[in-house]
Amino acid sequence: MTPLGEIVTRVSVVGEVSGLRGPNLTAADDGTVDLSFTLQEGYDRAKVQPSRYGSPTDVTRSIRDGSRVRIDNAMASVWRGEVVLDLDAKSSVEIADDSDSAPIVDVETKVNAVGRVWAINAFPDGVGVTRWSVTIVDQTGSAGVVAFKQFIPIAAAGVSRGDEIAILNGEIGEFNGQPQVRIGPGGRLVLLREASKVPDF
C-alpha cells in the first residue's frame, strides 16, 4: 500500500519525439503552447498532449521530430493500454542532455491506498450527479477518490465518514493540485472497518 502523502502525481520522462503536431501558440494568447507528439524510448512509447486544464508555456523552440527531449511535471495516465502524458502550466519540455535518463517504463499510473473517509463530496443522485467522490486521509496526507458512472462501486453506497477504506488498482491523478485516485476499469473499493470500530479522528 502507498501512503497518501507519497502518491506521485507528476512524472519526468526522456525520449525521442515523433509525429510532432505544433508547437503553436494557443488562441488564448497567454503564452501557452499547443503541441502533441509520441515520445519513444526503445520499445516504450507515450502519447504527449495538452491537459484539459490548460497547456504548457515552457516548451523548447528546438523541438522537432527526431529530437531527444526531457519532459518534467507531466501528469501520467493510461488510455487503451498506452501511457498518456498530459502537459499543463506546471509542465516543461526541454532538449535532453546526453546523460539524462527517465525511462517511460518507470512511470507508475496505478496505486493501492488505504485511508479514512474525511468527507463525502459527491454521491450520484440519478438526476444530475454522476460521480462518487470522497476525501480520504492517513498519517501522511490526504487524497481525493473519485469514480464516474459505470465505475462507481456498489460498495460506495455503504461508505460513511470515518470509515476505513482501501482503493485497489486505482488510477493516479490530480485535481486542483491535490492527489486523486480514480476508480476505473479494474479498480476496486473495499470497506475495511466501519467508523464505529476505529478511534475518532
C-alpha atoms as a PDB file:
ATOM      1  CA  MET A   1       0.000   0.000   0.000  1.00  0.00           C
ATOM      2  CA  THR A   2       1.172   3.505  -0.796  1.00  0.00           C
ATOM      3  CA  PRO A   3       0.878   6.164   1.933  1.00  0.00           C
ATOM      4  CA  LEU A   4      -1.316   9.016   0.667  1.00  0.00           C
ATOM      5  CA  GLY A   5       1.465  11.565   1.187  1.00  0.00           C
ATOM      6  CA  GLU A   6       3.728   9.556  -1.122  1.00  0.00           C
ATOM      7  CA  ILE A   7       1.405   9.385  -4.139  1.00  0.00           C
ATOM      8  CA  VAL A   8       3.362  10.907  -7.028  1.00  0.00           C
ATOM      9  CA  THR A   9       1.073  12.717  -9.465  1.00  0.00           C
ATOM     10  CA  ARG A  10       3.773  14.298 -11.663  1.00  0.00           C
ATOM     11  CA  VAL A  11       6.454  12.447 -13.629  1.00  0.00           C
ATOM     12  CA  SER A  12       9.585  13.131 -15.660  1.00  0.00           C
ATOM     13  CA  VAL A  13      10.437  11.169 -18.811  1.00  0.00           C
ATOM     14  CA  VAL A  14      13.034  11.259 -21.562  1.00  0.00           C
ATOM     15  CA  GLY A  15      12.588  10.054 -25.126  1.00  0.00           C
ATOM     16  CA  GLU A  16      12.604  10.789 -28.831  1.00  0.00           C
ATOM     17  CA  VAL A  17       9.894  12.894 -30.475  1.00  0.00           C
ATOM     18  CA  SER A  18       7.885  11.510 -33.400  1.00  0.00           C
ATOM     19  CA  GLY A  19       4.637  12.564 -35.074  1.00  0.00           C
ATOM     20  CA  LEU A  20       5.010  16.147 -33.827  1.00  0.00           C
ATOM     21  CA  ARG A  21       1.992  18.413 -34.319  1.00  0.00           C
ATOM     22  CA  GLY A  22       2.742  22.023 -33.418  1.00  0.00           C
ATOM     23  CA  PRO A  23       4.076  23.751 -31.473  1.00  0.00           C
ATOM     24  CA  ASN A  24       1.616  26.600 -31.955  1.00  0.00           C
ATOM     25  CA  LEU A  25       0.637  29.418 -29.643  1.00  0.00           C
ATOM     26  CA  THR A  26      -2.895  28.871 -28.368  1.00  0.00           C
ATOM     27  CA  ALA A  27      -5.790  31.174 -29.204  1.00  0.00           C
ATOM     28  CA  ALA A  28      -5.826  32.306 -25.564  1.00  0.00           C
ATOM     29  CA  ASP A  29      -2.773  34.495 -26.348  1.00  0.00           C
ATOM     30  CA  ASP A  30      -1.359  33.881 -22.860  1.00  0.00           C
ATOM     31  CA  GLY A  31       1.927  32.283 -23.913  1.00  0.00           C
ATOM     32  CA  THR A  32       0.608  28.726 -23.735  1.00  0.00           C
ATOM     33  CA  VAL A  33       1.714  26.303 -26.422  1.00  0.00           C
ATOM     34  CA  ASP A  34      -0.396  23.690 -28.171  1.00  0.00           C
ATOM     35  CA  LEU A  35       1.534  20.594 -29.245  1.00  0.00           C
ATOM     36  CA  SER A  36       1.197  16.830 -29.308  1.00  0.00           C
ATOM     37  CA  PHE A  37       3.551  14.012 -30.229  1.00  0.00           C
ATOM     38  CA  THR A  38       4.612  10.470 -29.473  1.00  0.00           C
ATOM     39  CA  LEU A  39       7.563  10.056 -27.123  1.00  0.00           C
ATOM     40  CA  GLN A  40       9.558   6.888 -27.743  1.00  0.00           C
ATOM     41  CA  GLU A  41      12.459   5.315 -25.861  1.00  0.00           C
ATOM     42  CA  GLY A  42      13.396   1.870 -27.137  1.00  0.00           C
ATOM     43  CA  TYR A  43      10.197  -0.193 -27.339  1.00  0.00           C
ATOM     44  CA  ASP A  44       8.333   2.035 -24.871  1.00  0.00           C
ATOM     45  CA  ARG A  45       6.164   4.901 -26.027  1.00  0.00           C
ATOM     46  CA  ALA A  46       3.834   7.516 -24.634  1.00  0.00           C
ATOM     47  CA  LYS A  47       1.328   9.905 -26.161  1.00  0.00           C
ATOM     48  CA  VAL A  48       2.055  13.525 -25.166  1.00  0.00           C
ATOM     49  CA  GLN A  49      -0.754  16.095 -25.301  1.00  0.00           C
ATOM     50  CA  PRO A  50      -2.017  19.279 -23.632  1.00  0.00           C
ATOM     51  CA  SER A  51      -4.022  18.773 -20.456  1.00  0.00           C
ATOM     52  CA  ARG A  52      -7.731  19.556 -20.452  1.00  0.00           C
ATOM     53  CA  TYR A  53      -6.871  22.074 -17.693  1.00  0.00           C
ATOM     54  CA  GLY A  54      -4.501  24.116 -19.859  1.00  0.00           C
ATOM     55  CA  SER A  55      -1.367  23.959 -21.971  1.00  0.00           C
ATOM     56  CA  PRO A  56       2.328  24.346 -21.127  1.00  0.00           C
ATOM     57  CA  THR A  57       4.264  27.588 -21.541  1.00  0.00           C
ATOM     58  CA  ASP A  58       7.780  26.181 -21.076  1.00  0.00           C
ATOM     59  CA  VAL A  59       8.472  24.382 -24.378  1.00  0.00           C
ATOM     60  CA  THR A  60      11.835  24.423 -26.141  1.00  0.00           C
ATOM     61  CA  ARG A  61      11.886  26.159 -29.509  1.00  0.00           C
ATOM     62  CA  SER A  62      14.252  23.436 -30.748  1.00  0.00           C
ATOM     63  CA  ILE A  63      11.673  20.636 -30.628  1.00  0.00           C
ATOM     64  CA  ARG A  64      11.284  18.668 -33.860  1.00  0.00           C
ATOM     65  CA  ASP A  65      10.731  15.099 -34.997  1.00  0.00           C
ATOM     66  CA  GLY A  66      13.759  13.044 -34.001  1.00  0.00           C
ATOM     67  CA  SER A  67      14.886  15.343 -31.173  1.00  0.00           C
ATOM     68  CA  ARG A  68      15.516  13.810 -27.744  1.00  0.00           C
ATOM     69  CA  VAL A  69      13.585  15.705 -25.071  1.00  0.00           C
ATOM     70  CA  ARG A  70      13.054  15.683 -21.331  1.00  0.00           C
ATOM     71  CA  ILE A  71       9.512  16.269 -20.086  1.00  0.00           C
ATOM     72  CA  ASP A  72       9.123  17.347 -16.458  1.00  0.00           C
ATOM     73  CA  ASN A  73       5.974  17.560 -14.310  1.00  0.00           C
ATOM     74  CA  ALA A  74       3.676  15.725 -16.719  1.00  0.00           C
ATOM     75  CA  MET A  75       0.512  14.040 -15.434  1.00  0.00           C
ATOM     76  CA  ALA A  76       0.565  10.372 -16.444  1.00  0.00           C
ATOM     77  CA  SER A  77      -2.347   8.052 -17.144  1.00  0.00           C
ATOM     78  CA  VAL A  78      -3.113   5.017 -19.281  1.00  0.00           C
ATOM     79  CA  TRP A  79      -5.652   5.029 -22.105  1.00  0.00           C
ATOM     80  CA  ARG A  80      -6.304   1.814 -24.044  1.00  0.00           C
ATOM     81  CA  GLY A  81      -3.014   0.326 -22.910  1.00  0.00           C
ATOM     82  CA  GLU A  82      -0.887   3.345 -23.861  1.00  0.00           C
ATOM     83  CA  VAL A  83       0.810   5.734 -21.437  1.00  0.00           C
ATOM     84  CA  VAL A  84      -0.550   9.278 -21.869  1.00  0.00           C
ATOM     85  CA  LEU A  85       1.349  12.324 -20.609  1.00  0.00           C
ATOM     86  CA  ASP A  86      -0.786  15.441 -20.135  1.00  0.00           C
ATOM     87  CA  LEU A  87       1.064  18.768 -20.108  1.00  0.00           C
ATOM     88  CA  ASP A  88      -0.196  21.865 -18.289  1.00  0.00           C
ATOM     89  CA  ALA A  89       1.238  25.148 -16.973  1.00  0.00           C
ATOM     90  CA  LYS A  90       3.438  23.261 -14.459  1.00  0.00           C
ATOM     91  CA  SER A  91       4.972  21.049 -17.186  1.00  0.00           C
ATOM     92  CA  SER A  92       8.060  21.713 -19.288  1.00  0.00           C
ATOM     93  CA  VAL A  93       9.630  20.253 -22.437  1.00  0.00           C
ATOM     94  CA  GLU A  94      13.376  20.762 -22.939  1.00  0.00           C
ATOM     95  CA  ILE A  95      16.082  19.247 -25.132  1.00  0.00           C
ATOM     96  CA  ALA A  96      17.603  16.373 -23.125  1.00  0.00           C
ATOM     97  CA  ASP A  97      21.264  16.137 -22.163  1.00  0.00           C
ATOM     98  CA  ASP A  98      23.157  13.031 -23.251  1.00  0.00           C
ATOM     99  CA  SER A  99      23.262  11.898 -19.617  1.00  0.00           C
ATOM    100  CA  ASP A 100      19.500  12.384 -18.991  1.00  0.00           C
ATOM    101  CA  SER A 101      17.621   9.207 -18.187  1.00  0.00           C
ATOM    102  CA  ALA A 102      13.987   8.868 -17.124  1.00  0.00           C
ATOM    103  CA  PRO A 103      12.530   5.758 -18.794  1.00  0.00           C
ATOM    104  CA  ILE A 104       8.868   5.651 -19.795  1.00  0.00           C
ATOM    105  CA  VAL A 105       8.674   2.110 -18.408  1.00  0.00           C
ATOM    106  CA  ASP A 106       9.261   3.507 -14.877  1.00  0.00           C
ATOM    107  CA  VAL A 107       6.116   5.675 -14.970  1.00  0.00           C
ATOM    108  CA  GLU A 108       3.595   4.432 -12.403  1.00  0.00           C
ATOM    109  CA  THR A 109      -0.064   5.060 -13.209  1.00  0.00           C
ATOM    110  CA  LYS A 110      -1.760   2.772 -10.645  1.00  0.00           C
ATOM    111  CA  VAL A 111      -1.797   2.770  -6.848  1.00  0.00           C
ATOM    112  CA  ASN A 112      -3.175   0.833  -3.878  1.00  0.00           C
ATOM    113  CA  ALA A 113      -4.078   3.089  -0.952  1.00  0.00           C
ATOM    114  CA  VAL A 114      -5.758   2.874   2.452  1.00  0.00           C
ATOM    115  CA  GLY A 115      -7.307   5.791   4.324  1.00  0.00           C
ATOM    116  CA  ARG A 116     -10.182   7.004   6.448  1.00  0.00           C
ATOM    117  CA  VAL A 117     -13.044   8.877   4.841  1.00  0.00           C
ATOM    118  CA  TRP A 118     -12.777  12.507   5.899  1.00  0.00           C
ATOM    119  CA  ALA A 119     -15.600  13.811   3.702  1.00  0.00           C
ATOM    120  CA  ILE A 120     -18.125  12.580   1.161  1.00  0.00           C
ATOM    121  CA  ASN A 121     -18.003  15.217  -1.578  1.00  0.00           C
ATOM    122  CA  ALA A 122     -20.425  13.841  -4.173  1.00  0.00           C
ATOM    123  CA  PHE A 123     -22.859  10.971  -4.413  1.00  0.00           C
ATOM    124  CA  PRO A 124     -24.838  10.022  -7.538  1.00  0.00           C
ATOM    125  CA  ASP A 125     -28.464  11.083  -7.301  1.00  0.00           C
ATOM    126  CA  GLY A 126     -29.815   9.634 -10.546  1.00  0.00           C
ATOM    127  CA  VAL A 127     -30.616  13.103 -11.876  1.00  0.00           C
ATOM    128  CA  GLY A 128     -27.567  15.329 -12.347  1.00  0.00           C
ATOM    129  CA  VAL A 129     -24.691  13.990 -10.253  1.00  0.00           C
ATOM    130  CA  THR A 130     -22.983  11.067 -11.994  1.00  0.00           C
ATOM    131  CA  ARG A 131     -19.928  10.644  -9.780  1.00  0.00           C
ATOM    132  CA  TRP A 132     -18.976   9.389  -6.344  1.00  0.00           C
ATOM    133  CA  SER A 133     -16.262  11.415  -4.641  1.00  0.00           C
ATOM    134  CA  VAL A 134     -14.694  11.277  -1.174  1.00  0.00           C
ATOM    135  CA  THR A 135     -11.617  12.668   0.557  1.00  0.00           C
ATOM    136  CA  ILE A 136      -9.515  10.139   2.457  1.00  0.00           C
ATOM    137  CA  VAL A 137      -6.735  10.795   4.972  1.00  0.00           C
ATOM    138  CA  ASP A 138      -3.948   8.891   6.686  1.00  0.00           C
ATOM    139  CA  GLN A 139      -0.977   9.928   8.851  1.00  0.00           C
ATOM    140  CA  THR A 140       0.969  11.156   5.793  1.00  0.00           C
ATOM    141  CA  GLY A 141      -1.608  13.266   3.953  1.00  0.00           C
ATOM    142  CA  SER A 142      -4.860  13.243   2.039  1.00  0.00           C
ATOM    143  CA  ALA A 143      -6.173  12.382  -1.413  1.00  0.00           C
ATOM    144  CA  GLY A 144      -9.410  12.582  -3.308  1.00  0.00           C
ATOM    145  CA  VAL A 145     -11.078   9.399  -4.525  1.00  0.00           C
ATOM    146  CA  VAL A 146     -13.479   9.578  -7.445  1.00  0.00           C
ATOM    147  CA  ALA A 147     -15.467   7.177  -9.615  1.00  0.00           C
ATOM    148  CA  PHE A 148     -17.676   8.084 -12.563  1.00  0.00           C
ATOM    149  CA  LYS A 149     -20.854   6.488 -13.905  1.00  0.00           C
ATOM    150  CA  GLN A 150     -20.482   2.740 -14.522  1.00  0.00           C
ATOM    151  CA  PHE A 151     -17.277   2.579 -12.457  1.00  0.00           C
ATOM    152  CA  ILE A 152     -18.980   3.652  -9.209  1.00  0.00           C
ATOM    153  CA  PRO A 153     -18.576   0.592  -6.969  1.00  0.00           C
ATOM    154  CA  ILE A 154     -21.681  -0.909  -5.385  1.00  0.00           C
ATOM    155  CA  ALA A 155     -19.839  -0.761  -2.038  1.00  0.00           C
ATOM    156  CA  ALA A 156     -19.778   3.071  -2.310  1.00  0.00           C
ATOM    157  CA  ALA A 157     -23.393   3.185  -1.115  1.00  0.00           C
ATOM    158  CA  GLY A 158     -22.303   1.815   2.273  1.00  0.00           C
ATOM    159  CA  VAL A 159     -19.371   4.186   2.878  1.00  0.00           C
ATOM    160  CA  SER A 160     -19.720   6.775   5.669  1.00  0.00           C
ATOM    161  CA  ARG A 161     -17.487   9.481   7.129  1.00  0.00           C
ATOM    162  CA  GLY A 162     -14.852   7.912   9.392  1.00  0.00           C
ATOM    163  CA  ASP A 163     -14.857   4.509   7.652  1.00  0.00           C
ATOM    164  CA  GLU A 164     -11.502   2.997   6.745  1.00  0.00           C
ATOM    165  CA  ILE A 165     -11.410   2.031   3.069  1.00  0.00           C
ATOM    166  CA  ALA A 166      -8.912   0.614   0.597  1.00  0.00           C
ATOM    167  CA  ILE A 167      -8.677   1.527  -3.065  1.00  0.00           C
ATOM    168  CA  LEU A 168      -7.055  -1.250  -5.073  1.00  0.00           C
ATOM    169  CA  ASN A 169      -5.631  -0.720  -8.556  1.00  0.00           C
ATOM    170  CA  GLY A 170      -6.698   2.947  -8.584  1.00  0.00           C
ATOM    171  CA  GLU A 171      -5.542   5.334 -11.302  1.00  0.00           C
ATOM    172  CA  ILE A 172      -3.213   8.098 -10.094  1.00  0.00           C
ATOM    173  CA  GLY A 173      -4.362  11.591 -10.982  1.00  0.00           C
ATOM    174  CA  GLU A 174      -4.511  15.159  -9.801  1.00  0.00           C
ATOM    175  CA  PHE A 175      -7.397  17.585  -9.366  1.00  0.00           C
ATOM    176  CA  ASN A 176      -6.935  21.216  -8.296  1.00  0.00           C
ATOM    177  CA  GLY A 177      -3.342  20.459  -7.323  1.00  0.00           C
ATOM    178  CA  GLN A 178      -4.313  17.632  -4.949  1.00  0.00           C
ATOM    179  CA  PRO A 179      -3.566  13.919  -5.434  1.00  0.00           C
ATOM    180  CA  GLN A 180      -6.543  11.982  -6.704  1.00  0.00           C
ATOM    181  CA  VAL A 181      -7.178   8.256  -7.065  1.00  0.00           C
ATOM    182  CA  ARG A 182      -9.721   7.341  -9.743  1.00  0.00           C
ATOM    183  CA  ILE A 183     -11.606   4.067  -9.665  1.00  0.00           C
ATOM    184  CA  GLY A 184     -11.825   2.887 -13.254  1.00  0.00           C
ATOM    185  CA  PRO A 185     -11.668  -0.421 -15.102  1.00  0.00           C
ATOM    186  CA  GLY A 186     -10.073  -2.990 -12.799  1.00  0.00           C
ATOM    187  CA  GLY A 187     -10.249  -0.663  -9.781  1.00  0.00           C
ATOM    188  CA  ARG A 188     -11.829  -1.801  -6.549  1.00  0.00           C
ATOM    189  CA  LEU A 189     -13.188  -0.278  -3.335  1.00  0.00           C
ATOM    190  CA  VAL A 190     -13.007  -2.322  -0.122  1.00  0.00           C
ATOM    191  CA  LEU A 191     -14.612  -1.262   3.167  1.00  0.00           C
ATOM    192  CA  LEU A 192     -12.056  -2.354   5.788  1.00  0.00           C
ATOM    193  CA  ARG A 193     -13.609  -1.041   9.023  1.00  0.00           C
ATOM    194  CA  GLU A 194     -16.682   0.990   9.809  1.00  0.00           C
ATOM    195  CA  ALA A 195     -16.295   4.305  11.643  1.00  0.00           C
ATOM    196  CA  SER A 196     -17.736   2.823  14.857  1.00  0.00           C
ATOM    197  CA  LYS A 197     -14.882   0.297  15.005  1.00  0.00           C
ATOM    198  CA  VAL A 198     -11.979   2.751  14.705  1.00  0.00           C
ATOM    199  CA  PRO A 199     -10.891   5.588  17.032  1.00  0.00           C
ATOM    200  CA  ASP A 200     -12.295   9.077  16.461  1.00  0.00           C
ATOM    201  CA  PHE A 201     -10.302  11.497  14.312  1.00  0.00           C
END
